[in-house]
Amino acid sequence: MNAVVFTALALMSVFNYAIAILTDPGRVPPSFMPDVEDSDNPVHEIKRKGGDLRFCQKCSHFKPPRAHHCRVCRRCVLRMDHHCIWISNCVGHANYKVFFVFVVYAVIACIYSLVLLVGSLTVDPQKDELQSGDSFRTIYVISGLLLVPLSAALGVLLGWHVYLILQNKTTIEYHEGVRAMWLAEKGGHVYKHPYDVGAYENLTTVLGPSIFCWVCPTSGHIGSGLRFRTAYDSMTGASVR
């Protein structure tokens, strides 16, 4: 039973890892043009200097909300979170959920491995020592030295992205928000992330409307990635298509 459970977790980790690598994070359409007169889209991101609408000089087109230019991929990515060297791809609008699901399965698989490792050491250890000698003891030590730091690192990464999802932020937006909060406090104002529409709504926006699809690599709910629901909207959809 343990072999079946661990194999299933490992397969799901590898499967989601492969999808995260192969899925395009989201391209900005060449014809995209922001409509400043659209009353249904009250939030328009502008440059810090000059206050103009964001325009990518390298790609020669306007940037949709939450899009950023990746220097590694050499193009703009929709709702860019970060460029991940471990998947050799950007984590963006189209593959963020599958990246998150991969981390979830990887953390569970690592913790399950630790449980099996500790359990194997506590169940009749004297009998195992007589049968295997020092060979298995060495394997246990090496496995533990690999699993403990890996589980800790992936656990911190998972906790970080759970926090981001509950706030409906990307990693880039978090760092931008720190500066925006400082500037707002300096001017006597209160900063609120414009895409934060509540913890549960944020979860459904990123992971999907049904709790049963939260651990599946589905992405039919994410929309085009050109417009997003904001705290200033009266809309009820998770993403404006």
C-alpha atoms as a PDB file:
ATOM      1  CA  MET A   1       0.000   0.000   0.000  1.00  0.00           C
ATOM      2  CA  ASN A   2       2.818   2.408   0.828  1.00  0.00           C
ATOM      3  CA  ALA A   3       4.465   1.598  -2.491  1.00  0.00           C
ATOM      4  CA  VAL A   4       1.230   2.316  -4.361  1.00  0.00           C
ATOM      5  CA  VAL A   5       0.622   5.635  -2.576  1.00  0.00           C
ATOM      6  CA  PHE A   6       4.206   6.844  -2.986  1.00  0.00           C
ATOM      7  CA  THR A   7       4.313   5.810  -6.645  1.00  0.00           C
ATOM      8  CA  ALA A   8       1.070   7.704  -7.301  1.00  0.00           C
ATOM      9  CA  LEU A   9       2.451  10.824  -5.598  1.00  0.00           C
ATOM     10  CA  ALA A  10       5.729  10.562  -7.522  1.00  0.00           C
ATOM     11  CA  LEU A  11       3.927  10.106 -10.838  1.00  0.00           C
ATOM     12  CA  MET A  12       1.687  13.112 -10.186  1.00  0.00           C
ATOM     13  CA  SER A  13       4.746  15.186  -9.277  1.00  0.00           C
ATOM     14  CA  VAL A  14       6.577  14.210 -12.473  1.00  0.00           C
ATOM     15  CA  PHE A  15       3.428  14.653 -14.583  1.00  0.00           C
ATOM     16  CA  ASN A  16       2.742  18.175 -13.293  1.00  0.00           C
ATOM     17  CA  TYR A  17       6.433  19.045 -13.534  1.00  0.00           C
ATOM     18  CA  ALA A  18       6.434  18.068 -17.214  1.00  0.00           C
ATOM     19  CA  ILE A  19       3.282  20.105 -17.906  1.00  0.00           C
ATOM     20  CA  ALA A  20       4.793  23.148 -16.148  1.00  0.00           C
ATOM     21  CA  ILE A  21       7.844  22.860 -18.404  1.00  0.00           C
ATOM     22  CA  LEU A  22       5.914  22.374 -21.647  1.00  0.00           C
ATOM     23  CA  THR A  23       3.073  24.860 -21.089  1.00  0.00           C
ATOM     24  CA  ASP A  24       3.565  28.336 -22.497  1.00  0.00           C
ATOM     25  CA  PRO A  25       3.081  30.787 -19.591  1.00  0.00           C
ATOM     26  CA  GLY A  26       1.093  33.205 -21.759  1.00  0.00           C
ATOM     27  CA  ARG A  27       1.939  35.461 -24.697  1.00  0.00           C
ATOM     28  CA  VAL A  28       0.734  39.009 -25.196  1.00  0.00           C
ATOM     29  CA  PRO A  29      -1.258  39.237 -28.450  1.00  0.00           C
ATOM     30  CA  PRO A  30       0.480  41.548 -30.959  1.00  0.00           C
ATOM     31  CA  SER A  31      -2.801  43.393 -31.481  1.00  0.00           C
ATOM     32  CA  PHE A  32      -3.380  44.147 -27.793  1.00  0.00           C
ATOM     33  CA  MET A  33      -4.356  47.754 -27.145  1.00  0.00           C
ATOM     34  CA  PRO A  34      -5.545  49.033 -23.740  1.00  0.00           C
ATOM     35  CA  ASP A  35      -8.911  50.772 -23.799  1.00  0.00           C
ATOM     36  CA  VAL A  36      -8.735  53.624 -21.299  1.00  0.00           C
ATOM     37  CA  GLU A  37     -12.406  54.471 -21.903  1.00  0.00           C
ATOM     38  CA  ASP A  38     -13.680  51.007 -20.970  1.00  0.00           C
ATOM     39  CA  SER A  39     -15.875  51.506 -17.898  1.00  0.00           C
ATOM     40  CA  ASP A  40     -15.790  47.773 -17.138  1.00  0.00           C
ATOM     41  CA  ASN A  41     -12.035  47.914 -16.627  1.00  0.00           C
ATOM     42  CA  PRO A  42     -11.364  50.709 -14.128  1.00  0.00           C
ATOM     43  CA  VAL A  43      -7.745  49.744 -13.353  1.00  0.00           C
ATOM     44  CA  HIS A  44      -4.982  50.608 -15.812  1.00  0.00           C
ATOM     45  CA  GLU A  45      -1.376  50.069 -14.851  1.00  0.00           C
ATOM     46  CA  ILE A  46       0.963  52.943 -15.659  1.00  0.00           C
ATOM     47  CA  LYS A  47       4.691  53.598 -15.516  1.00  0.00           C
ATOM     48  CA  ARG A  48       6.138  54.932 -12.281  1.00  0.00           C
ATOM     49  CA  LYS A  49       7.882  57.649 -14.252  1.00  0.00           C
ATOM     50  CA  GLY A  50       5.709  59.791 -16.488  1.00  0.00           C
ATOM     51  CA  GLY A  51       2.396  58.067 -15.757  1.00  0.00           C
ATOM     52  CA  ASP A  52       2.056  56.668 -19.300  1.00  0.00           C
ATOM     53  CA  LEU A  53       0.465  53.333 -20.088  1.00  0.00           C
ATOM     54  CA  ARG A  54       3.053  50.577 -19.858  1.00  0.00           C
ATOM     55  CA  PHE A  55       4.734  49.915 -23.197  1.00  0.00           C
ATOM     56  CA  CYS A  56       7.448  47.324 -23.799  1.00  0.00           C
ATOM     57  CA  GLN A  57      10.218  48.811 -25.917  1.00  0.00           C
ATOM     58  CA  LYS A  58      11.758  45.394 -26.560  1.00  0.00           C
ATOM     59  CA  CYS A  59       8.561  43.703 -27.745  1.00  0.00           C
ATOM     60  CA  SER A  60       7.074  46.902 -29.269  1.00  0.00           C
ATOM     61  CA  HIS A  61       3.592  46.532 -27.797  1.00  0.00           C
ATOM     62  CA  PHE A  62       1.572  47.672 -24.807  1.00  0.00           C
ATOM     63  CA  LYS A  63       1.642  45.521 -21.690  1.00  0.00           C
ATOM     64  CA  PRO A  64      -1.648  44.159 -20.341  1.00  0.00           C
ATOM     65  CA  PRO A  65      -2.241  44.407 -16.593  1.00  0.00           C
ATOM     66  CA  ARG A  66       0.110  42.175 -14.576  1.00  0.00           C
ATOM     67  CA  ALA A  67       2.286  41.360 -17.610  1.00  0.00           C
ATOM     68  CA  HIS A  68       6.049  41.814 -17.473  1.00  0.00           C
ATOM     69  CA  HIS A  69       8.999  41.366 -19.796  1.00  0.00           C
ATOM     70  CA  CYS A  70      11.228  38.375 -19.059  1.00  0.00           C
ATOM     71  CA  ARG A  71      14.872  38.989 -19.897  1.00  0.00           C
ATOM     72  CA  VAL A  72      15.551  35.243 -20.097  1.00  0.00           C
ATOM     73  CA  CYS A  73      12.637  34.359 -22.384  1.00  0.00           C
ATOM     74  CA  ARG A  74      13.072  37.700 -24.204  1.00  0.00           C
ATOM     75  CA  ARG A  75       9.347  38.406 -24.372  1.00  0.00           C
ATOM     76  CA  CYS A  76       6.469  39.661 -22.274  1.00  0.00           C
ATOM     77  CA  VAL A  77       4.628  37.114 -20.138  1.00  0.00           C
ATOM     78  CA  LEU A  78       1.007  37.427 -19.002  1.00  0.00           C
ATOM     79  CA  ARG A  79       0.612  37.652 -15.211  1.00  0.00           C
ATOM     80  CA  MET A  80       4.271  36.852 -14.789  1.00  0.00           C
ATOM     81  CA  ASP A  81       5.280  35.477 -11.399  1.00  0.00           C
ATOM     82  CA  HIS A  82       8.958  34.666 -11.959  1.00  0.00           C
ATOM     83  CA  HIS A  83      11.333  32.850 -14.281  1.00  0.00           C
ATOM     84  CA  CYS A  84      12.048  29.437 -12.798  1.00  0.00           C
ATOM     85  CA  ILE A  85      15.414  27.887 -13.639  1.00  0.00           C
ATOM     86  CA  TRP A  86      14.203  24.485 -12.413  1.00  0.00           C
ATOM     87  CA  ILE A  87      11.607  24.244 -15.179  1.00  0.00           C
ATOM     88  CA  SER A  88      13.573  26.409 -17.651  1.00  0.00           C
ATOM     89  CA  ASN A  89      10.405  28.397 -18.226  1.00  0.00           C
ATOM     90  CA  CYS A  90       8.538  31.391 -16.909  1.00  0.00           C
ATOM     91  CA  VAL A  91       5.790  30.836 -14.370  1.00  0.00           C
ATOM     92  CA  GLY A  92       2.920  32.937 -15.640  1.00  0.00           C
ATOM     93  CA  HIS A  93      -0.793  33.104 -16.329  1.00  0.00           C
ATOM     94  CA  ALA A  94      -1.198  29.801 -18.175  1.00  0.00           C
ATOM     95  CA  ASN A  95       1.083  27.552 -16.105  1.00  0.00           C
ATOM     96  CA  TYR A  96       1.008  29.086 -12.618  1.00  0.00           C
ATOM     97  CA  LYS A  97      -1.616  26.677 -11.320  1.00  0.00           C
ATOM     98  CA  VAL A  98       0.146  23.574 -12.638  1.00  0.00           C
ATOM     99  CA  PHE A  99       3.411  24.859 -11.129  1.00  0.00           C
ATOM    100  CA  PHE A 100       1.650  25.268  -7.773  1.00  0.00           C
ATOM    101  CA  VAL A 101       0.075  21.807  -8.015  1.00  0.00           C
ATOM    102  CA  PHE A 102       3.496  20.336  -8.806  1.00  0.00           C
ATOM    103  CA  VAL A 103       4.938  21.915  -5.646  1.00  0.00           C
ATOM    104  CA  VAL A 104       2.002  20.564  -3.602  1.00  0.00           C
ATOM    105  CA  TYR A 105       2.563  16.991  -4.813  1.00  0.00           C
ATOM    106  CA  ALA A 106       6.337  17.319  -4.399  1.00  0.00           C
ATOM    107  CA  VAL A 107       5.957  18.448  -0.776  1.00  0.00           C
ATOM    108  CA  ILE A 108       3.509  15.630   0.011  1.00  0.00           C
ATOM    109  CA  ALA A 109       5.812  13.077  -1.644  1.00  0.00           C
ATOM    110  CA  CYS A 110       8.818  14.324   0.334  1.00  0.00           C
ATOM    111  CA  ILE A 111       6.962  14.253   3.646  1.00  0.00           C
ATOM    112  CA  TYR A 112       5.579  10.797   2.865  1.00  0.00           C
ATOM    113  CA  SER A 113       9.116   9.624   2.088  1.00  0.00           C
ATOM    114  CA  LEU A 114      10.305  10.940   5.456  1.00  0.00           C
ATOM    115  CA  VAL A 115       7.475   9.121   7.218  1.00  0.00           C
ATOM    116  CA  LEU A 116       8.401   5.865   5.459  1.00  0.00           C
ATOM    117  CA  LEU A 117      12.081   6.400   6.261  1.00  0.00           C
ATOM    118  CA  VAL A 118      11.469   7.026   9.961  1.00  0.00           C
ATOM    119  CA  GLY A 119       8.961   4.199  10.104  1.00  0.00           C
ATOM    120  CA  SER A 120      11.426   1.739   8.598  1.00  0.00           C
ATOM    121  CA  LEU A 121      13.948   2.660  11.301  1.00  0.00           C
ATOM    122  CA  THR A 122      11.497   2.139  14.163  1.00  0.00           C
ATOM    123  CA  VAL A 123       9.956  -1.154  13.037  1.00  0.00           C
ATOM    124  CA  ASP A 124      12.172  -4.003  14.217  1.00  0.00           C
ATOM    125  CA  PRO A 125      15.485  -2.204  13.624  1.00  0.00           C
ATOM    126  CA  GLN A 126      17.576  -4.998  15.178  1.00  0.00           C
ATOM    127  CA  LYS A 127      16.258  -7.551  12.708  1.00  0.00           C
ATOM    128  CA  ASP A 128      16.960  -5.230   9.782  1.00  0.00           C
ATOM    129  CA  GLU A 129      20.487  -4.568  11.071  1.00  0.00           C
ATOM    130  CA  LEU A 130      21.245  -8.310  11.275  1.00  0.00           C
ATOM    131  CA  GLN A 131      19.935  -8.879   7.739  1.00  0.00           C
ATOM    132  CA  SER A 132      21.445  -5.917   5.940  1.00  0.00           C
ATOM    133  CA  GLY A 133      24.493  -4.809   7.927  1.00  0.00           C
ATOM    134  CA  ASP A 134      25.799  -1.323   7.257  1.00  0.00           C
ATOM    135  CA  SER A 135      24.529  -0.999   3.676  1.00  0.00           C
ATOM    136  CA  PHE A 136      20.963  -0.033   4.551  1.00  0.00           C
ATOM    137  CA  ARG A 137      22.130   2.212   7.375  1.00  0.00           C
ATOM    138  CA  THR A 138      24.169   4.191   4.837  1.00  0.00           C
ATOM    139  CA  ILE A 139      21.191   4.427   2.505  1.00  0.00           C
ATOM    140  CA  TYR A 140      19.009   5.698   5.357  1.00  0.00           C
ATOM    141  CA  VAL A 141      21.532   8.383   6.281  1.00  0.00           C
ATOM    142  CA  ILE A 142      21.949   9.584   2.689  1.00  0.00           C
ATOM    143  CA  SER A 143      18.184   9.575   2.115  1.00  0.00           C
ATOM    144  CA  GLY A 144      17.619  11.564   5.292  1.00  0.00           C
ATOM    145  CA  LEU A 145      20.302  14.108   4.369  1.00  0.00           C
ATOM    146  CA  LEU A 146      18.588  14.630   1.030  1.00  0.00           C
ATOM    147  CA  LEU A 147      14.972  14.568   2.166  1.00  0.00           C
ATOM    148  CA  VAL A 148      15.138  16.886   5.174  1.00  0.00           C
ATOM    149  CA  PRO A 149      16.540  19.977   3.379  1.00  0.00           C
ATOM    150  CA  LEU A 150      14.480  19.241   0.240  1.00  0.00           C
ATOM    151  CA  SER A 151      11.267  18.979   2.262  1.00  0.00           C
ATOM    152  CA  ALA A 152      12.096  22.179   4.131  1.00  0.00           C
ATOM    153  CA  ALA A 153      12.901  24.119   0.950  1.00  0.00           C
ATOM    154  CA  LEU A 154       9.808  22.921  -0.906  1.00  0.00           C
ATOM    155  CA  GLY A 155       7.672  23.524   2.188  1.00  0.00           C
ATOM    156  CA  VAL A 156       8.830  27.143   2.383  1.00  0.00           C
ATOM    157  CA  LEU A 157       8.164  27.548  -1.364  1.00  0.00           C
ATOM    158  CA  LEU A 158       4.679  26.076  -0.962  1.00  0.00           C
ATOM    159  CA  GLY A 159       3.907  28.324   2.012  1.00  0.00           C
ATOM    160  CA  TRP A 160       5.076  31.366   0.063  1.00  0.00           C
ATOM    161  CA  HIS A 161       2.814  30.623  -2.895  1.00  0.00           C
ATOM    162  CA  VAL A 162      -0.149  29.811  -0.634  1.00  0.00           C
ATOM    163  CA  TYR A 163       0.315  33.300   0.826  1.00  0.00           C
ATOM    164  CA  LEU A 164       0.519  34.837  -2.654  1.00  0.00           C
ATOM    165  CA  ILE A 165      -2.612  33.020  -3.822  1.00  0.00           C
ATOM    166  CA  LEU A 166      -4.604  34.119  -0.761  1.00  0.00           C
ATOM    167  CA  GLN A 167      -3.557  37.710  -1.547  1.00  0.00           C
ATOM    168  CA  ASN A 168      -3.977  37.220  -5.328  1.00  0.00           C
ATOM    169  CA  LYS A 169      -0.451  38.484  -5.904  1.00  0.00           C
ATOM    170  CA  THR A 170       2.475  37.386  -7.985  1.00  0.00           C
ATOM    171  CA  THR A 171       6.039  37.421  -6.686  1.00  0.00           C
ATOM    172  CA  ILE A 172       6.700  40.540  -8.771  1.00  0.00           C
ATOM    173  CA  GLU A 173       3.556  42.234  -7.455  1.00  0.00           C
ATOM    174  CA  TYR A 174       4.560  41.443  -3.883  1.00  0.00           C
ATOM    175  CA  HIS A 175       7.849  43.294  -4.265  1.00  0.00           C
ATOM    176  CA  GLU A 176       6.134  46.141  -6.114  1.00  0.00           C
ATOM    177  CA  GLY A 177       3.529  46.256  -3.349  1.00  0.00           C
ATOM    178  CA  VAL A 178       6.185  46.697  -0.670  1.00  0.00           C
ATOM    179  CA  ARG A 179       7.368  49.859  -2.403  1.00  0.00           C
ATOM    180  CA  ALA A 180       3.787  51.025  -3.073  1.00  0.00           C
ATOM    181  CA  MET A 181       2.864  50.499   0.581  1.00  0.00           C
ATOM    182  CA  TRP A 182       5.887  52.513   1.692  1.00  0.00           C
ATOM    183  CA  LEU A 183       5.027  55.367  -0.670  1.00  0.00           C
ATOM    184  CA  ALA A 184       1.365  55.288   0.414  1.00  0.00           C
ATOM    185  CA  GLU A 185       2.261  55.424   4.104  1.00  0.00           C
ATOM    186  CA  LYS A 186       4.694  58.232   3.396  1.00  0.00           C
ATOM    187  CA  GLY A 187       1.875  60.218   1.793  1.00  0.00           C
ATOM    188  CA  GLY A 188      -0.630  59.400   4.525  1.00  0.00           C
ATOM    189  CA  HIS A 189      -2.622  56.906   2.464  1.00  0.00           C
ATOM    190  CA  VAL A 190      -3.471  53.226   2.818  1.00  0.00           C
ATOM    191  CA  TYR A 191      -2.355  50.876   0.050  1.00  0.00           C
ATOM    192  CA  LYS A 192      -4.567  47.967  -1.011  1.00  0.00           C
ATOM    193  CA  HIS A 193      -3.616  45.460  -3.676  1.00  0.00           C
ATOM    194  CA  PRO A 194      -6.141  46.085  -6.475  1.00  0.00           C
ATOM    195  CA  TYR A 195      -6.545  42.407  -7.397  1.00  0.00           C
ATOM    196  CA  ASP A 196      -7.265  41.203  -3.852  1.00  0.00           C
ATOM    197  CA  VAL A 197     -10.977  40.317  -3.886  1.00  0.00           C
ATOM    198  CA  GLY A 198     -11.041  38.197  -0.721  1.00  0.00           C
ATOM    199  CA  ALA A 199      -9.272  34.992   0.301  1.00  0.00           C
ATOM    200  CA  TYR A 200     -11.804  32.495  -1.088  1.00  0.00           C
ATOM    201  CA  GLU A 201     -12.373  34.444  -4.300  1.00  0.00           C
ATOM    202  CA  ASN A 202      -8.607  34.679  -4.735  1.00  0.00           C
ATOM    203  CA  LEU A 203      -8.324  30.914  -4.345  1.00  0.00           C
ATOM    204  CA  THR A 204     -11.006  30.228  -6.935  1.00  0.00           C
ATOM    205  CA  THR A 205      -9.482  32.776  -9.293  1.00  0.00           C
ATOM    206  CA  VAL A 206      -6.177  30.896  -9.371  1.00  0.00           C
ATOM    207  CA  LEU A 207      -7.119  27.272  -8.641  1.00  0.00           C
ATOM    208  CA  GLY A 208     -10.636  27.049 -10.073  1.00  0.00           C
ATOM    209  CA  PRO A 209     -14.236  27.302  -8.908  1.00  0.00           C
ATOM    210  CA  SER A 210     -14.475  23.738  -7.567  1.00  0.00           C
ATOM    211  CA  ILE A 211     -12.393  22.440  -4.652  1.00  0.00           C
ATOM    212  CA  PHE A 212     -12.156  19.071  -6.433  1.00  0.00           C
ATOM    213  CA  CYS A 213     -10.114  20.598  -9.270  1.00  0.00           C
ATOM    214  CA  TRP A 214      -7.665  22.444  -7.020  1.00  0.00           C
ATOM    215  CA  VAL A 215      -5.140  19.578  -7.129  1.00  0.00           C
ATOM    216  CA  CYS A 216      -5.656  18.822 -10.822  1.00  0.00           C
ATOM    217  CA  PRO A 217      -3.681  20.537 -13.618  1.00  0.00           C
ATOM    218  CA  THR A 218      -6.780  22.084 -15.188  1.00  0.00           C
ATOM    219  CA  SER A 219      -6.806  25.640 -16.515  1.00  0.00           C
ATOM    220  CA  GLY A 220     -10.139  26.150 -18.255  1.00  0.00           C
ATOM    221  CA  HIS A 221     -11.154  28.803 -15.711  1.00  0.00           C
ATOM    222  CA  ILE A 222      -8.263  31.241 -16.114  1.00  0.00           C
ATOM    223  CA  GLY A 223      -9.532  33.296 -19.067  1.00  0.00           C
ATOM    224  CA  SER A 224      -7.403  35.228 -21.538  1.00  0.00           C
ATOM    225  CA  GLY A 225      -5.037  36.839 -19.041  1.00  0.00           C
ATOM    226  CA  LEU A 226      -5.617  40.302 -20.529  1.00  0.00           C
ATOM    227  CA  ARG A 227      -8.077  41.498 -17.894  1.00  0.00           C
ATOM    228  CA  PHE A 228      -8.644  40.463 -14.295  1.00  0.00           C
ATOM    229  CA  ARG A 229     -11.274  41.064 -11.700  1.00  0.00           C
ATOM    230  CA  THR A 230     -10.292  43.779  -9.243  1.00  0.00           C
ATOM    231  CA  ALA A 231     -11.450  44.988  -5.853  1.00  0.00           C
ATOM    232  CA  TYR A 232     -13.103  47.906  -7.637  1.00  0.00           C
ATOM    233  CA  ASP A 233     -15.314  45.787  -9.847  1.00  0.00           C
ATOM    234  CA  SER A 234     -18.838  44.680  -9.185  1.00  0.00           C
ATOM    235  CA  MET A 235     -18.289  41.575 -11.309  1.00  0.00           C
ATOM    236  CA  THR A 236     -18.539  38.080  -9.831  1.00  0.00           C
ATOM    237  CA  GLY A 237     -16.421  36.099 -12.260  1.00  0.00           C
ATOM    238  CA  ALA A 238     -13.017  34.791 -11.219  1.00  0.00           C
ATOM    239  CA  SER A 239     -11.430  36.278 -14.325  1.00  0.00           C
ATOM    240  CA  VAL A 240     -12.753  38.539 -17.050  1.00  0.00           C
ATOM    241  CA  ARG A 241     -12.421  36.750 -20.336  1.00  0.00           C
END
